[in-house]
Amino acid sequence: MNATTTAPARTARPVRRATDPQIAAVKREIGRRDLTGASVGLMALTTAPETIDDLTFTHARLALDFLFGASLLPQPAVEQVTEGIYLREGVVYKVQAARGLGNLYAKVLEGKRFEYAAGAIRDLRPEHKMTLEQAEEYGARYGVCCQCGRTLTKKESVDAGIGPICAGKF
């Protein structure tokens, strides 16, 4: 006798939706990275953000694993800013090292004083660094030394656009 047996029918497991923090993290990390050359599936996520909201828990975890793993890949070398005076979009910044650790940070010239500019260091590039000629032009135009922030009062300094001590620092 040849009896055939059938396997019991499987019930479909409910699909677990990605959590709100997972979805937010995927969106944030996709926005922060240049995904050129990334996998086709992940590229689809970047071109259709509405699909990110429909991710399953597992797919969101895989996407985050990929994104955080992508940050470990070698990145092109970016030239770093150094201490000095920078001019970006008409605004003067002074980059200097913090006492103790020596980390660089930026201050913005506000009137006659330099004030701490939170996060501004990230927007500055080496090509924004001012030359002595640019500093002299700025000082002549605004009557303020862009190195120290003081008003130029002596005739020689006004004519030069910068004081002799500050000119020596360039």
C-alpha atoms as a PDB file:
ATOM      1  CA  MET A   1       0.000   0.000   0.000  1.00  0.00           C
ATOM      2  CA  ASN A   2       1.414   3.301  -1.037  1.00  0.00           C
ATOM      3  CA  ALA A   3      -0.082   6.066   1.038  1.00  0.00           C
ATOM      4  CA  THR A   4       0.852   9.632   0.325  1.00  0.00           C
ATOM      5  CA  THR A   5       1.188  12.017   3.164  1.00  0.00           C
ATOM      6  CA  THR A   6       0.879  15.717   2.885  1.00  0.00           C
ATOM      7  CA  ALA A   7       2.797  18.200   4.944  1.00  0.00           C
ATOM      8  CA  PRO A   8       0.741  20.364   7.262  1.00  0.00           C
ATOM      9  CA  ALA A   9      -0.064  23.767   5.820  1.00  0.00           C
ATOM     10  CA  ARG A  10       2.214  26.556   7.081  1.00  0.00           C
ATOM     11  CA  THR A  11       0.695  29.729   8.326  1.00  0.00           C
ATOM     12  CA  ALA A  12       2.329  32.916   7.124  1.00  0.00           C
ATOM     13  CA  ARG A  13       4.368  34.688   9.757  1.00  0.00           C
ATOM     14  CA  PRO A  14       3.552  38.342  10.141  1.00  0.00           C
ATOM     15  CA  VAL A  15       6.262  40.570   8.712  1.00  0.00           C
ATOM     16  CA  ARG A  16       7.923  42.670  11.369  1.00  0.00           C
ATOM     17  CA  ARG A  17       8.081  46.311  10.344  1.00  0.00           C
ATOM     18  CA  ALA A  18      11.267  48.303  10.881  1.00  0.00           C
ATOM     19  CA  THR A  19      11.237  50.451  13.990  1.00  0.00           C
ATOM     20  CA  ASP A  20      10.960  54.228  13.733  1.00  0.00           C
ATOM     21  CA  PRO A  21      14.541  54.681  15.034  1.00  0.00           C
ATOM     22  CA  GLN A  22      15.799  52.219  12.382  1.00  0.00           C
ATOM     23  CA  ILE A  23      13.995  54.100   9.612  1.00  0.00           C
ATOM     24  CA  ALA A  24      15.291  57.438  10.876  1.00  0.00           C
ATOM     25  CA  ALA A  25      18.843  56.067  11.046  1.00  0.00           C
ATOM     26  CA  VAL A  26      18.670  54.642   7.501  1.00  0.00           C
ATOM     27  CA  LYS A  27      17.434  57.986   6.134  1.00  0.00           C
ATOM     28  CA  ARG A  28      20.057  59.946   8.079  1.00  0.00           C
ATOM     29  CA  GLU A  29      22.948  57.706   7.045  1.00  0.00           C
ATOM     30  CA  ILE A  30      21.904  57.613   3.374  1.00  0.00           C
ATOM     31  CA  GLY A  31      21.790  61.403   3.412  1.00  0.00           C
ATOM     32  CA  ARG A  32      25.274  61.640   4.947  1.00  0.00           C
ATOM     33  CA  ARG A  33      27.046  59.384   2.460  1.00  0.00           C
ATOM     34  CA  ASP A  34      27.947  59.459  -1.184  1.00  0.00           C
ATOM     35  CA  LEU A  35      26.610  56.084  -2.278  1.00  0.00           C
ATOM     36  CA  THR A  36      28.251  55.981  -5.691  1.00  0.00           C
ATOM     37  CA  GLY A  37      28.919  52.342  -6.496  1.00  0.00           C
ATOM     38  CA  ALA A  38      26.671  51.053  -3.720  1.00  0.00           C
ATOM     39  CA  SER A  39      24.554  47.955  -4.168  1.00  0.00           C
ATOM     40  CA  VAL A  40      21.548  48.197  -6.452  1.00  0.00           C
ATOM     41  CA  GLY A  41      19.134  47.487  -3.613  1.00  0.00           C
ATOM     42  CA  LEU A  42      20.529  50.274  -1.480  1.00  0.00           C
ATOM     43  CA  MET A  43      20.588  52.670  -4.414  1.00  0.00           C
ATOM     44  CA  ALA A  44      16.890  51.952  -4.861  1.00  0.00           C
ATOM     45  CA  LEU A  45      16.382  53.133  -1.292  1.00  0.00           C
ATOM     46  CA  THR A  46      18.133  56.419  -2.022  1.00  0.00           C
ATOM     47  CA  THR A  47      16.049  57.155  -5.094  1.00  0.00           C
ATOM     48  CA  ALA A  48      12.712  56.238  -3.546  1.00  0.00           C
ATOM     49  CA  PRO A  49      12.639  57.480   0.049  1.00  0.00           C
ATOM     50  CA  GLU A  50       9.037  56.379   0.457  1.00  0.00           C
ATOM     51  CA  THR A  51      10.225  52.762   0.274  1.00  0.00           C
ATOM     52  CA  ILE A  52      12.397  53.310   3.329  1.00  0.00           C
ATOM     53  CA  ASP A  53       9.267  53.779   5.426  1.00  0.00           C
ATOM     54  CA  ASP A  54       8.108  50.310   4.295  1.00  0.00           C
ATOM     55  CA  LEU A  55      11.288  48.423   5.236  1.00  0.00           C
ATOM     56  CA  THR A  56      11.067  45.268   7.237  1.00  0.00           C
ATOM     57  CA  PHE A  57      13.043  44.987  10.448  1.00  0.00           C
ATOM     58  CA  THR A  58      15.545  42.625   8.802  1.00  0.00           C
ATOM     59  CA  HIS A  59      16.017  44.777   5.703  1.00  0.00           C
ATOM     60  CA  ALA A  60      16.536  47.903   7.817  1.00  0.00           C
ATOM     61  CA  ARG A  61      19.152  46.061   9.878  1.00  0.00           C
ATOM     62  CA  LEU A  62      20.926  44.932   6.712  1.00  0.00           C
ATOM     63  CA  ALA A  63      20.809  48.442   5.244  1.00  0.00           C
ATOM     64  CA  LEU A  64      22.315  49.903   8.436  1.00  0.00           C
ATOM     65  CA  ASP A  65      24.995  47.210   8.508  1.00  0.00           C
ATOM     66  CA  PHE A  66      25.869  48.127   4.935  1.00  0.00           C
ATOM     67  CA  LEU A  67      25.814  51.876   5.597  1.00  0.00           C
ATOM     68  CA  PHE A  68      27.974  51.695   8.708  1.00  0.00           C
ATOM     69  CA  GLY A  69      30.265  49.234   6.954  1.00  0.00           C
ATOM     70  CA  ALA A  70      30.505  51.668   4.049  1.00  0.00           C
ATOM     71  CA  SER A  71      31.897  54.267   6.438  1.00  0.00           C
ATOM     72  CA  LEU A  72      34.788  51.904   7.146  1.00  0.00           C
ATOM     73  CA  LEU A  73      35.791  51.825   3.479  1.00  0.00           C
ATOM     74  CA  PRO A  74      38.756  54.007   2.514  1.00  0.00           C
ATOM     75  CA  GLN A  75      37.620  57.559   1.870  1.00  0.00           C
ATOM     76  CA  PRO A  76      39.363  59.990  -0.455  1.00  0.00           C
ATOM     77  CA  ALA A  77      41.835  62.180   1.388  1.00  0.00           C
ATOM     78  CA  VAL A  78      40.427  65.604   2.184  1.00  0.00           C
ATOM     79  CA  GLU A  79      42.881  68.396   2.764  1.00  0.00           C
ATOM     80  CA  GLN A  80      42.458  69.773   6.271  1.00  0.00           C
ATOM     81  CA  VAL A  81      42.348  73.377   7.379  1.00  0.00           C
ATOM     82  CA  THR A  82      45.173  74.750   9.500  1.00  0.00           C
ATOM     83  CA  GLU A  83      45.358  77.625  11.934  1.00  0.00           C
ATOM     84  CA  GLY A  84      44.866  80.996  10.307  1.00  0.00           C
ATOM     85  CA  ILE A  85      42.332  83.448   8.921  1.00  0.00           C
ATOM     86  CA  TYR A  86      39.715  82.309   6.418  1.00  0.00           C
ATOM     87  CA  LEU A  87      37.243  84.165   4.229  1.00  0.00           C
ATOM     88  CA  ARG A  88      34.143  82.265   3.191  1.00  0.00           C
ATOM     89  CA  GLU A  89      31.165  83.930   1.513  1.00  0.00           C
ATOM     90  CA  GLY A  90      32.248  87.352   2.779  1.00  0.00           C
ATOM     91  CA  VAL A  91      32.575  86.211   6.400  1.00  0.00           C
ATOM     92  CA  VAL A  92      35.933  86.186   8.206  1.00  0.00           C
ATOM     93  CA  TYR A  93      36.806  83.196  10.394  1.00  0.00           C
ATOM     94  CA  LYS A  94      39.787  82.605  12.635  1.00  0.00           C
ATOM     95  CA  VAL A  95      40.825  78.976  13.027  1.00  0.00           C
ATOM     96  CA  GLN A  96      42.845  78.207  16.113  1.00  0.00           C
ATOM     97  CA  ALA A  97      43.798  75.286  18.310  1.00  0.00           C
ATOM     98  CA  ALA A  98      41.990  74.706  21.582  1.00  0.00           C
ATOM     99  CA  ARG A  99      44.097  74.771  24.708  1.00  0.00           C
ATOM    100  CA  GLY A 100      44.927  71.356  26.044  1.00  0.00           C
ATOM    101  CA  LEU A 101      43.883  68.948  23.292  1.00  0.00           C
ATOM    102  CA  GLY A 102      44.882  71.144  20.375  1.00  0.00           C
ATOM    103  CA  ASN A 103      41.717  70.443  18.361  1.00  0.00           C
ATOM    104  CA  LEU A 104      40.995  73.135  15.798  1.00  0.00           C
ATOM    105  CA  TYR A 105      37.875  75.268  16.009  1.00  0.00           C
ATOM    106  CA  ALA A 106      36.616  78.402  14.279  1.00  0.00           C
ATOM    107  CA  LYS A 107      35.591  81.834  15.472  1.00  0.00           C
ATOM    108  CA  VAL A 108      33.674  84.324  13.357  1.00  0.00           C
ATOM    109  CA  LEU A 109      34.500  88.034  13.236  1.00  0.00           C
ATOM    110  CA  GLU A 110      31.474  89.842  14.670  1.00  0.00           C
ATOM    111  CA  GLY A 111      32.041  93.581  14.661  1.00  0.00           C
ATOM    112  CA  LYS A 112      35.399  94.010  16.382  1.00  0.00           C
ATOM    113  CA  ARG A 113      35.539  90.641  18.172  1.00  0.00           C
ATOM    114  CA  PHE A 114      35.912  87.021  17.241  1.00  0.00           C
ATOM    115  CA  GLU A 115      33.084  84.867  18.639  1.00  0.00           C
ATOM    116  CA  TYR A 116      33.017  81.065  18.756  1.00  0.00           C
ATOM    117  CA  ALA A 117      31.160  79.674  15.727  1.00  0.00           C
ATOM    118  CA  ALA A 118      29.871  76.198  16.559  1.00  0.00           C
ATOM    119  CA  GLY A 119      30.402  73.777  13.662  1.00  0.00           C
ATOM    120  CA  ALA A 120      31.853  76.399  11.306  1.00  0.00           C
ATOM    121  CA  ILE A 121      35.165  74.525  11.105  1.00  0.00           C
ATOM    122  CA  ARG A 122      33.426  71.791   9.079  1.00  0.00           C
ATOM    123  CA  ASP A 123      32.477  74.246   6.319  1.00  0.00           C
ATOM    124  CA  LEU A 124      35.940  75.762   5.884  1.00  0.00           C
ATOM    125  CA  ARG A 125      38.330  74.479   3.235  1.00  0.00           C
ATOM    126  CA  PRO A 126      42.016  75.217   2.625  1.00  0.00           C
ATOM    127  CA  GLU A 127      41.118  77.317  -0.416  1.00  0.00           C
ATOM    128  CA  HIS A 128      39.205  79.716   1.889  1.00  0.00           C
ATOM    129  CA  LYS A 129      42.409  80.672   3.738  1.00  0.00           C
ATOM    130  CA  MET A 130      43.127  84.372   3.258  1.00  0.00           C
ATOM    131  CA  THR A 131      46.309  85.656   1.707  1.00  0.00           C
ATOM    132  CA  LEU A 132      48.029  88.776   3.021  1.00  0.00           C
ATOM    133  CA  GLU A 133      46.697  90.666   0.005  1.00  0.00           C
ATOM    134  CA  GLN A 134      43.115  89.624   0.793  1.00  0.00           C
ATOM    135  CA  ALA A 135      43.576  90.607   4.441  1.00  0.00           C
ATOM    136  CA  GLU A 136      44.897  94.023   3.414  1.00  0.00           C
ATOM    137  CA  GLU A 137      41.979  94.525   1.022  1.00  0.00           C
ATOM    138  CA  TYR A 138      39.481  93.521   3.719  1.00  0.00           C
ATOM    139  CA  GLY A 139      41.068  95.877   6.260  1.00  0.00           C
ATOM    140  CA  ALA A 140      41.136  98.772   3.803  1.00  0.00           C
ATOM    141  CA  ARG A 141      37.494  98.218   2.897  1.00  0.00           C
ATOM    142  CA  TYR A 142      36.080  97.774   6.427  1.00  0.00           C
ATOM    143  CA  GLY A 143      38.673  99.530   8.617  1.00  0.00           C
ATOM    144  CA  VAL A 144      39.042  96.400  10.757  1.00  0.00           C
ATOM    145  CA  CYS A 145      42.030  94.102  11.051  1.00  0.00           C
ATOM    146  CA  CYS A 146      40.883  90.618  10.112  1.00  0.00           C
ATOM    147  CA  GLN A 147      43.730  89.062  12.118  1.00  0.00           C
ATOM    148  CA  CYS A 148      42.898  90.568  15.526  1.00  0.00           C
ATOM    149  CA  GLY A 149      39.537  92.274  14.961  1.00  0.00           C
ATOM    150  CA  ARG A 150      40.703  95.720  16.081  1.00  0.00           C
ATOM    151  CA  THR A 151      39.755  98.951  14.368  1.00  0.00           C
ATOM    152  CA  LEU A 152      42.599 100.275  12.241  1.00  0.00           C
ATOM    153  CA  THR A 153      43.480 103.740  13.569  1.00  0.00           C
ATOM    154  CA  LYS A 154      47.087 104.517  12.657  1.00  0.00           C
ATOM    155  CA  LYS A 155      47.494 106.040   9.212  1.00  0.00           C
ATOM    156  CA  GLU A 156      50.057 103.408   8.162  1.00  0.00           C
ATOM    157  CA  SER A 157      47.722 100.590   9.231  1.00  0.00           C
ATOM    158  CA  VAL A 158      44.682 102.156   7.557  1.00  0.00           C
ATOM    159  CA  ASP A 159      46.650 102.639   4.345  1.00  0.00           C
ATOM    160  CA  ALA A 160      48.003  99.088   4.468  1.00  0.00           C
ATOM    161  CA  GLY A 161      44.678  97.559   5.562  1.00  0.00           C
ATOM    162  CA  ILE A 162      46.443  95.685   8.394  1.00  0.00           C
ATOM    163  CA  GLY A 163      48.711  96.493  11.292  1.00  0.00           C
ATOM    164  CA  PRO A 164      52.432  95.655  11.137  1.00  0.00           C
ATOM    165  CA  ILE A 165      52.274  93.002  13.879  1.00  0.00           C
ATOM    166  CA  CYS A 166      49.309  91.231  12.312  1.00  0.00           C
ATOM    167  CA  ALA A 167      50.869  91.449   8.854  1.00  0.00           C
ATOM    168  CA  GLY A 168      53.819  89.542  10.291  1.00  0.00           C
ATOM    169  CA  LYS A 169      51.480  86.715  11.331  1.00  0.00           C
ATOM    170  CA  PHE A 170      50.424  86.100   7.745  1.00  0.00           C
END
